[in-house]
Amino acid sequence: MIDVDHQISAVRRQVGSRTLEAGEARTVTVRQTYDATVEDVWDACTNPERIPRWFMPVSGELRLHGRFQIENNAAGTIEQCDPPKSFAATWEYGGEVSWIEVRLAAAPEGGTRFELEHVAHVDDERWAEFGPGAVGIGWDLALMGLALHLSSGESAEDQDTMAWMMSEQGGRFMAASSERWYEASVAAGTAPEAARAAADRTTAAYTAEPSESSESSEDAEGPKADAT
């Protein structure tokens, strides 16, 4: 399905913060350069017929101030739109509101640089428990799907995504993603011991076997509630 090592290395990850009217927020940013035009990547990210091919089915009005609903996931409102360069939207899930911004630009080396920033007010206790990988692994999976779609035309709709995630390759991908988010967290100033503990908990939650106890399943819901 995907070259795990190549895809993990193709993404740049950054952890930071931003001051909003409501106070300090945490940011998680992913970047990848795709061998496609800006217009093609924009269409893949905004065309409701193409989005399910690499992400999840979406309904609603994909226009400025329109409301959208991602199947079995977040809803939101499109707050800014500057085609084919950028859009911003609320990301509403589990009774909480965060924000995403997607920015596209022609890369100097050719192709298109895709950048997604997720901004959220996350309480210190939950951040200390799971760290940036809680949402970061979800976005890594999305960027992988987009890479596969743009490079081969393959569709996530034709794949048993859950079976892949539970496979050895899927588990290795999520563990590798979690490790890179550990590194990004340390680079942002988190104490290595605290970042390691959070990353280990997130890795365990994402790679938990479905046959494990219900208590483990409930623990796994922690980071996934914040993820894509």
Protein backbone atom coordinates (compact mmCIF):
# COMPACT_ATOMS: atom_id res chain seq x y z
CA MET A 1 0.00 0.00 0.00
CA ILE A 2 2.68 2.51 1.00
CA ASP A 3 6.41 2.72 1.65
CA VAL A 4 6.23 3.39 5.39
CA ASP A 5 9.80 4.62 5.85
CA HIS A 6 9.63 6.93 2.83
CA GLN A 7 6.30 8.45 3.86
CA ILE A 8 7.33 8.99 7.48
CA SER A 9 10.52 10.73 6.32
CA ALA A 10 8.66 12.86 3.75
CA VAL A 11 6.66 14.72 6.42
CA ARG A 12 7.98 17.60 8.50
CA ARG A 13 6.37 17.99 11.91
CA GLN A 14 6.36 20.96 14.26
CA VAL A 15 4.86 21.64 17.68
CA GLY A 16 4.27 25.19 18.87
CA SER A 17 1.81 27.64 20.36
CA ARG A 18 -0.31 30.58 19.33
CA THR A 19 -2.03 33.29 21.33
CA LEU A 20 -5.75 33.57 20.58
CA GLU A 21 -8.42 35.81 22.06
CA ALA A 22 -9.42 32.98 24.36
CA GLY A 23 -5.85 32.47 25.51
CA GLU A 24 -2.82 30.38 24.68
CA ALA A 25 -3.37 27.50 22.25
CA ARG A 26 -1.16 24.64 21.15
CA THR A 27 -0.32 24.05 17.48
CA VAL A 28 0.59 20.92 15.57
CA THR A 29 1.83 21.40 12.00
CA VAL A 30 2.55 18.87 9.23
CA ARG A 31 4.20 19.62 5.88
CA GLN A 32 4.80 17.48 2.82
CA THR A 33 5.74 18.22 -0.78
CA TYR A 34 3.72 16.36 -3.42
CA ASP A 35 4.63 15.79 -7.05
CA ALA A 36 1.48 17.52 -8.30
CA THR A 37 0.36 21.00 -9.27
CA VAL A 38 -1.09 23.39 -6.72
CA GLU A 39 -4.39 23.26 -8.59
CA ASP A 40 -4.53 19.46 -8.43
CA VAL A 41 -3.74 19.34 -4.72
CA TRP A 42 -6.31 22.07 -4.07
CA ASP A 43 -8.94 20.08 -5.94
CA ALA A 44 -8.07 16.92 -4.01
CA CYS A 45 -8.51 18.81 -0.73
CA THR A 46 -11.72 20.68 -1.58
CA ASN A 47 -13.66 18.58 -4.09
CA PRO A 48 -16.26 16.51 -2.20
CA GLU A 49 -15.97 13.79 -4.84
CA ARG A 50 -12.21 13.44 -4.33
CA ILE A 51 -11.89 13.93 -0.56
CA PRO A 52 -13.25 10.43 0.26
CA ARG A 53 -10.64 8.92 -2.04
CA TRP A 54 -7.89 9.77 0.44
CA PHE A 55 -9.60 10.94 3.64
CA MET A 56 -13.24 10.31 4.63
CA PRO A 57 -16.66 11.04 3.11
CA VAL A 58 -17.78 14.63 3.64
CA SER A 59 -21.16 16.30 3.30
CA GLY A 60 -22.40 19.87 3.53
CA GLU A 61 -21.42 23.05 1.73
CA LEU A 62 -17.72 23.31 0.94
CA ARG A 63 -17.71 27.06 0.45
CA LEU A 64 -16.92 30.16 2.49
CA HIS A 65 -19.08 30.17 5.65
CA GLY A 66 -20.48 26.76 4.68
CA ARG A 67 -20.96 23.95 7.19
CA PHE A 68 -19.46 20.52 6.61
CA GLN A 69 -19.61 17.13 8.31
CA ILE A 70 -16.93 14.48 7.97
CA GLU A 71 -18.48 11.04 8.30
CA ASN A 72 -18.03 9.67 11.83
CA ASN A 73 -15.64 12.49 12.65
CA ALA A 74 -15.49 16.28 12.94
CA ALA A 75 -17.85 18.96 11.69
CA GLY A 76 -17.10 22.61 11.18
CA THR A 77 -17.50 25.92 9.40
CA ILE A 78 -15.24 27.19 6.63
CA GLU A 79 -14.07 30.58 7.89
CA GLN A 80 -11.54 31.59 5.24
CA CYS A 81 -10.98 30.52 1.64
CA ASP A 82 -8.42 31.79 -0.87
CA PRO A 83 -8.31 29.32 -3.78
CA PRO A 84 -6.02 27.68 -4.64
CA LYS A 85 -3.76 28.85 -1.83
CA SER A 86 -5.44 28.30 1.53
CA PHE A 87 -8.52 27.68 3.60
CA ALA A 88 -9.30 27.69 7.32
CA ALA A 89 -12.12 26.05 9.21
CA THR A 90 -13.32 25.18 12.67
CA TRP A 91 -12.81 21.56 13.71
CA GLU A 92 -15.65 20.56 16.03
CA TYR A 93 -15.49 17.16 17.70
CA GLY A 94 -16.54 15.69 21.02
CA GLY A 95 -18.05 18.95 22.21
CA GLU A 96 -14.81 20.85 21.66
CA VAL A 97 -13.78 23.38 18.99
CA SER A 98 -10.33 23.70 17.46
CA TRP A 99 -9.17 25.13 14.13
CA ILE A 100 -7.37 23.88 11.04
CA GLU A 101 -5.58 25.86 8.36
CA VAL A 102 -4.42 24.35 5.07
CA ARG A 103 -1.86 26.24 2.99
CA LEU A 104 -0.57 25.31 -0.47
CA ALA A 105 2.36 26.79 -2.37
CA ALA A 106 4.54 25.87 -5.33
CA ALA A 107 7.69 24.24 -3.95
CA PRO A 108 11.07 25.62 -5.14
CA GLU A 109 12.16 22.10 -6.07
CA GLY A 110 8.93 21.49 -8.00
CA GLY A 111 5.57 20.15 -7.00
CA THR A 112 3.35 21.53 -4.24
CA ARG A 113 4.14 22.12 -0.60
CA PHE A 114 1.14 21.15 1.53
CA GLU A 115 0.97 22.51 5.07
CA LEU A 116 -1.72 21.85 7.66
CA GLU A 117 -1.78 23.53 11.05
CA HIS A 118 -4.15 22.35 13.80
CA VAL A 119 -4.71 24.88 16.59
CA ALA A 120 -6.38 23.80 19.81
CA HIS A 121 -6.87 24.78 23.42
CA VAL A 122 -5.70 21.61 25.18
CA ASP A 123 -5.60 21.42 28.96
CA ASP A 124 -2.19 20.72 30.47
CA GLU A 125 -3.25 17.41 31.99
CA ARG A 126 -4.41 15.89 28.70
CA TRP A 127 -1.40 17.29 26.83
CA ALA A 128 0.94 15.80 29.43
CA GLU A 129 -0.82 12.44 29.12
CA PHE A 130 -0.73 12.06 25.32
CA GLY A 131 1.28 14.93 23.81
CA PRO A 132 1.11 16.08 20.16
CA GLY A 133 0.99 12.56 18.76
CA ALA A 134 -2.65 12.25 19.81
CA VAL A 135 -3.68 14.44 16.90
CA GLY A 136 -0.44 14.21 14.95
CA ILE A 137 -0.74 10.51 14.11
CA GLY A 138 -4.19 11.14 12.66
CA TRP A 139 -2.86 13.85 10.38
CA ASP A 140 0.08 11.65 9.39
CA LEU A 141 -2.42 9.03 8.26
CA ALA A 142 -4.28 11.68 6.24
CA LEU A 143 -1.09 12.87 4.52
CA MET A 144 -0.26 9.27 3.68
CA GLY A 145 -3.68 8.85 2.06
CA LEU A 146 -3.21 12.04 0.06
CA ALA A 147 0.25 10.91 -1.07
CA LEU A 148 -1.14 7.60 -2.27
CA HIS A 149 -4.04 9.26 -4.07
CA LEU A 150 -1.94 11.89 -5.82
CA SER A 151 0.84 9.52 -6.85
CA SER A 152 -1.20 6.54 -8.01
CA GLY A 153 -4.82 7.56 -8.25
CA GLU A 154 -5.67 4.82 -5.75
CA SER A 155 -8.67 5.46 -3.57
CA ALA A 156 -9.07 4.90 0.15
CA GLU A 157 -12.61 3.85 -0.70
CA ASP A 158 -11.13 0.73 -2.34
CA GLN A 159 -9.01 -0.15 0.70
CA ASP A 160 -9.91 -1.83 3.97
CA THR A 161 -8.38 1.00 5.97
CA MET A 162 -9.16 -0.45 9.40
CA ALA A 163 -7.63 -3.81 8.45
CA TRP A 164 -4.50 -2.01 7.26
CA MET A 165 -4.25 0.00 10.49
CA MET A 166 -4.41 -3.24 12.48
CA SER A 167 -1.81 -4.92 10.25
CA GLU A 168 1.90 -5.13 11.01
CA GLN A 169 2.61 -2.42 8.45
CA GLY A 170 -0.08 -0.14 9.85
CA GLY A 171 1.17 -0.61 13.38
CA ARG A 172 4.71 0.16 12.28
CA PHE A 173 3.53 3.33 10.53
CA MET A 174 1.71 4.63 13.61
CA ALA A 175 4.58 3.72 15.93
CA ALA A 176 7.02 5.53 13.64
CA SER A 177 4.72 8.55 13.48
CA SER A 178 4.47 8.62 17.26
CA GLU A 179 8.27 8.52 17.53
CA ARG A 180 8.61 11.51 15.21
CA TRP A 181 6.04 13.43 17.25
CA TYR A 182 8.09 12.62 20.35
CA GLU A 183 11.09 14.22 18.63
CA ALA A 184 9.02 17.27 17.62
CA SER A 185 7.75 17.64 21.19
CA VAL A 186 11.29 17.57 22.59
CA ALA A 187 12.40 20.09 19.95
CA ALA A 188 9.58 22.37 21.15
CA GLY A 189 10.92 22.30 24.71
CA THR A 190 9.18 19.36 26.38
CA ALA A 191 11.36 17.46 28.83
CA PRO A 192 12.49 14.23 27.11
CA GLU A 193 11.21 12.02 29.93
CA ALA A 194 7.74 13.57 29.83
CA ALA A 195 7.63 13.50 26.03
CA ARG A 196 8.69 9.85 26.00
CA ALA A 197 5.99 8.82 28.49
CA ALA A 198 3.29 10.65 26.50
CA ALA A 199 4.47 9.16 23.20
CA ASP A 200 4.51 5.64 24.64
CA ARG A 201 0.93 6.03 25.88
CA THR A 202 -0.22 7.35 22.50
CA THR A 203 1.55 4.56 20.60
CA ALA A 204 -0.06 1.95 22.83
CA ALA A 205 -3.50 3.50 22.33
CA TYR A 206 -3.27 3.66 18.56
CA THR A 207 -1.85 0.16 18.16
CA ALA A 208 -4.03 -1.60 20.75
CA GLU A 209 -5.46 -4.90 19.56
CA PRO A 210 -9.28 -4.91 19.30
CA SER A 211 -9.38 -8.12 21.34
CA GLU A 212 -7.85 -6.42 24.37
CA SER A 213 -9.92 -5.58 27.41
CA SER A 214 -12.63 -2.95 27.34
CA GLU A 215 -10.55 -0.90 29.75
CA SER A 216 -7.75 -0.73 27.18
CA SER A 217 -10.27 0.27 24.51
CA GLU A 218 -11.48 3.12 26.67
CA ASP A 219 -7.90 4.27 27.22
CA ALA A 220 -7.35 4.22 23.46
CA GLU A 221 -10.24 6.62 23.00
CA GLY A 222 -8.23 9.35 24.72
CA PRO A 223 -5.90 10.42 21.92
CA LYS A 224 -8.18 9.26 19.10
CA ALA A 225 -10.84 11.68 20.28
CA ASP A 226 -8.43 14.45 19.32
CA ALA A 227 -7.25 12.90 16.09
CA THR A 228 -8.53 13.01 12.60
